[in-house]
Protein backbone atom coordinates (compact mmCIF):
# COMPACT_ATOMS: atom_id res chain seq x y z
CA ILE A 1 -17.65 4.48 18.50
CA VAL A 2 -13.95 4.39 17.78
CA ALA A 3 -12.51 6.41 14.90
CA THR A 4 -8.92 6.50 13.81
CA SER A 5 -7.17 9.18 11.82
CA ARG A 6 -3.72 10.29 10.88
CA LYS A 7 -2.69 13.66 12.29
CA GLU A 8 -4.24 15.74 9.54
CA PRO A 9 -5.32 19.19 10.69
CA ALA A 10 -8.54 19.23 8.62
CA VAL A 11 -9.69 15.94 10.15
CA LEU A 12 -8.52 16.70 13.68
CA ASP A 13 -10.25 20.07 13.58
CA ARG A 14 -13.59 18.41 12.85
CA LEU A 15 -13.05 15.94 15.71
CA ARG A 16 -11.72 18.41 18.27
CA GLY A 17 -14.72 18.05 20.58
CA LEU A 18 -14.09 14.34 21.02
CA ARG A 19 -11.76 12.69 23.47
CA ALA A 20 -8.65 11.66 21.57
CA GLN A 21 -5.86 9.26 22.35
CA THR A 22 -2.65 9.00 20.37
CA ILE A 23 -1.48 5.57 19.27
CA ASP A 24 2.29 5.41 19.52
CA ALA A 25 3.89 3.19 16.89
CA HIS A 26 6.60 2.23 19.40
CA ASP A 27 4.16 1.34 22.19
CA PRO A 28 4.78 -2.27 23.30
CA ARG A 29 1.08 -3.03 22.76
CA ASN A 30 1.36 -1.94 19.12
CA ARG A 31 4.47 -4.04 18.66
CA ASP A 32 2.64 -7.00 20.20
CA ASP A 33 -0.26 -6.54 17.73
CA LEU A 34 2.20 -6.40 14.82
CA ASP A 35 4.02 -9.46 16.12
CA ARG A 36 0.76 -11.44 16.33
CA PHE A 37 -0.26 -10.28 12.85
CA LEU A 38 3.04 -11.50 11.40
CA GLU A 39 2.95 -14.80 13.31
CA ARG A 40 -0.51 -15.55 11.95
CA ARG A 41 0.23 -14.45 8.36
CA LEU A 42 3.59 -16.23 8.13
CA GLN A 43 1.89 -19.50 9.09
CA SER A 44 -0.15 -19.51 5.87
CA PRO A 45 0.96 -22.43 3.68
CA ASN A 46 2.19 -20.23 0.82
CA LEU A 47 4.26 -17.90 3.00
CA ALA A 48 5.55 -20.73 5.19
CA ALA A 49 6.79 -22.56 2.08
CA LEU A 50 8.47 -19.45 0.68
CA ARG A 51 10.09 -18.67 4.03
CA THR A 52 11.31 -22.26 4.44
CA ALA A 53 12.74 -22.28 0.90
CA ALA A 54 14.69 -19.11 1.76
CA HIS A 55 16.03 -20.81 4.95
CA VAL A 56 14.60 -18.07 7.18
CA SER A 57 12.98 -18.99 10.48
CA ALA A 58 9.63 -17.46 11.41
CA ASN A 59 11.22 -15.69 14.40
CA GLU A 60 14.00 -14.27 12.22
CA ALA A 61 11.52 -13.03 9.59
CA ILE A 62 9.31 -11.43 12.25
CA ALA A 63 12.25 -9.68 13.92
CA ARG A 64 13.53 -8.28 10.61
CA LEU A 65 10.09 -7.16 9.47
CA LEU A 66 9.25 -5.52 12.79
CA ASP A 67 12.55 -3.65 12.70
CA ARG A 68 11.95 -2.35 9.15
CA SER A 69 8.32 -1.42 9.79
CA ALA A 70 9.07 1.05 12.61
CA GLY A 71 5.72 0.07 14.08
CA ASN A 72 3.70 0.77 10.92
CA PHE A 73 0.98 -1.80 10.22
CA LEU A 74 0.43 -0.68 6.62
CA TYR A 75 4.13 -1.22 5.90
CA LEU A 76 3.89 -4.81 7.15
CA LYS A 77 0.67 -5.44 5.25
CA GLN A 78 2.31 -4.25 2.01
CA VAL A 79 5.48 -6.28 2.61
CA VAL A 80 3.49 -9.44 3.34
CA ALA A 81 1.50 -8.88 0.12
CA GLY A 82 4.79 -8.45 -1.77
CA LEU A 83 6.14 -11.66 -0.26
CA GLU A 84 2.99 -13.51 -1.33
CA THR A 85 3.19 -12.30 -4.93
CA GLY A 86 6.94 -12.92 -5.18
CA ASP A 87 7.73 -9.22 -5.63
CA LEU A 88 9.69 -9.47 -2.40
CA ASP A 89 11.88 -12.30 -1.14
CA PHE A 90 12.36 -13.69 2.37
CA ALA A 91 16.06 -14.14 1.61
CA ARG A 92 16.40 -10.38 1.10
CA LEU A 93 14.49 -8.96 4.06
CA ASP A 94 17.55 -6.99 5.17
CA GLU A 95 17.39 -5.10 1.86
CA LEU A 96 13.85 -3.83 2.46
CA PRO A 97 13.75 -0.06 2.64
CA PRO A 98 12.65 1.36 5.96
CA GLY A 99 9.28 3.11 6.01
CA LEU A 100 6.39 3.40 3.58
CA VAL A 101 8.04 6.04 1.40
CA GLY A 102 10.98 3.75 0.72
CA LEU A 103 8.63 0.86 0.05
CA TYR A 104 6.57 2.93 -2.40
CA LEU A 105 9.69 4.17 -4.17
CA ARG A 106 11.14 0.67 -4.54
CA SER A 107 7.83 -0.71 -5.76
CA PHE A 108 7.39 2.03 -8.36
CA GLU A 109 10.97 1.61 -9.57
CA ARG A 110 10.32 -2.11 -10.03
CA HIS A 111 6.92 -1.71 -11.73
CA PHE A 112 7.81 1.32 -13.84
CA PRO A 113 11.53 1.14 -14.75
CA ASP A 114 11.45 4.16 -17.08
CA GLU A 115 9.31 7.17 -17.97
CA ALA A 116 7.63 5.38 -20.89
CA ALA A 117 6.45 2.57 -18.60
CA TYR A 118 4.96 5.15 -16.20
CA THR A 119 3.12 7.34 -18.73
CA GLY A 120 -0.22 5.48 -18.74
CA PRO A 121 -0.21 4.64 -15.04
CA SER A 122 0.62 8.25 -14.13
CA GLU A 123 -2.51 9.44 -15.97
CA VAL A 124 -4.71 6.99 -14.10
CA LEU A 125 -3.10 7.79 -10.74
CA ALA A 126 -3.51 11.54 -11.32
CA VAL A 127 -7.23 11.11 -12.00
CA LEU A 128 -7.76 8.85 -8.98
CA ILE A 129 -5.89 11.28 -6.73
CA ALA A 130 -8.00 14.20 -7.93
CA ALA A 131 -11.33 12.34 -7.76
CA GLN A 132 -13.67 13.26 -4.93
CA GLU A 133 -14.88 9.66 -4.71
CA PRO A 134 -14.02 6.23 -6.11
CA LEU A 135 -14.59 5.93 -9.87
CA SER A 136 -16.00 3.16 -12.02
CA ARG A 137 -13.89 1.84 -14.90
CA GLN A 138 -16.24 3.60 -17.32
CA GLU A 139 -15.86 6.95 -15.53
CA LEU A 140 -12.11 6.50 -15.46
CA ALA A 141 -12.01 5.65 -19.17
CA ARG A 142 -13.91 8.84 -20.01
CA VAL A 143 -11.47 11.03 -18.08
CA VAL A 144 -8.08 9.42 -18.64
CA ARG A 145 -6.18 10.53 -21.74
CA LEU A 146 -4.33 7.35 -22.60
CA ASN A 147 -2.39 6.86 -25.79
CA PRO A 148 -4.55 4.78 -28.19
CA ASP A 149 -1.90 2.03 -28.05
CA VAL A 150 -2.27 1.74 -24.27
CA SER A 151 -5.40 0.06 -22.91
CA LEU A 152 -6.97 1.02 -19.62
CA ALA A 153 -7.29 -2.66 -18.70
CA ARG A 154 -3.53 -3.15 -19.06
CA VAL A 155 -2.76 -0.04 -16.98
CA LEU A 156 -5.18 -1.16 -14.27
CA ARG A 157 -3.43 -4.56 -14.15
CA GLN A 158 -0.08 -2.75 -13.73
CA LEU A 159 -1.55 -0.68 -10.91
CA SER A 160 -3.51 -3.49 -9.24
CA SER A 161 -1.31 -3.61 -6.13
CA PHE A 162 -1.86 0.13 -5.60
CA LEU A 163 -5.64 0.15 -6.09
CA HIS A 164 -8.61 -0.83 -3.98
CA GLN A 165 -11.74 -2.16 -5.68
CA ILE A 166 -14.99 -1.29 -3.96
CA PRO A 167 -17.98 -3.39 -5.03
CA ARG A 168 -21.26 -1.48 -5.08
CA GLN A 169 -24.82 -2.76 -4.86
CA SER A 170 -25.33 -1.78 -8.50
CA ASP A 171 -22.70 -4.36 -9.51
CA VAL A 172 -20.40 -1.56 -10.63
CA THR A 173 -17.00 -1.88 -9.03
CA ARG A 174 -15.36 1.42 -8.16
CA LEU A 175 -11.64 2.08 -7.96
CA THR A 176 -9.59 4.20 -5.62
CA LEU A 177 -6.03 4.24 -4.32
CA PHE A 178 -5.48 1.61 -1.68
CA HIS A 179 -4.37 4.20 0.92
CA LYS A 180 -4.13 7.96 1.31
CA SER A 181 -0.44 7.69 2.15
CA LEU A 182 0.19 6.67 -1.47
CA ALA A 183 -1.60 9.79 -2.74
CA ASP A 184 0.39 11.90 -0.28
CA TRP A 185 3.65 10.38 -1.51
CA LEU A 186 2.74 10.79 -5.18
CA THR A 187 1.82 14.46 -4.71
CA GLU A 188 4.80 15.51 -2.58
CA GLU A 189 6.49 18.53 -4.12
CA SER A 190 9.88 16.83 -3.89
CA LEU A 191 8.69 14.24 -6.43
CA GLN A 192 7.55 16.81 -8.97
C-alpha cells in the first residue's frame, strides 16, 4: 500500500509508525514524470492546435511550464485545464504566475473581478470548506444563504473549475473543493 500526503502534522502523526519517504519536487525523476505528462497532454488535438496557433513549439511550452510549476504536478494540471478552456493562452506562458497561490489568485481575479461578483461564490466556498464531507446540491442549497436574485446553479457554474463532483451509488452527485490546497489558500489569515 502506498499513501501520499502533504506535510500536515495531523496526518503525519497518524502515520508515524509507517516507513516514509519524501518526494522532492526538484528530484530529476519527478521532473521526468512532469515532462512525460506534459508531452502526452500537449499532443491532444485541441491543445496541439492551440499551441500551433500561438506559434509555440511543444518543447518550448514544456520548458516554460516546467519552469513555472517548480515541480508541482497540481500546478501543471490546472494550467493545462486552463489552456484547454481558453482561460490561459500558449502565447502568454511567460506571464503565468509561479506556484499554486499565484495561479489561484489570478484565476479568482479573472472569475470574480469585484466584490459583488464574489458574494455568492464566497458563500458556497465557505460552506464547502467547513463541511466534514462532500455535499449534495440539495444539502448545499439548504445551508447557503444566497441572495434571492442569485441562483445556486449559476454560482456552481462559476465555481465549476474549483469543484470536484463525486458521483455516488444513489445517483446523488456530491460536491467538494477540487483540492485541499485551495481551501488552505482561501482560509489563510493574510486573505482575510
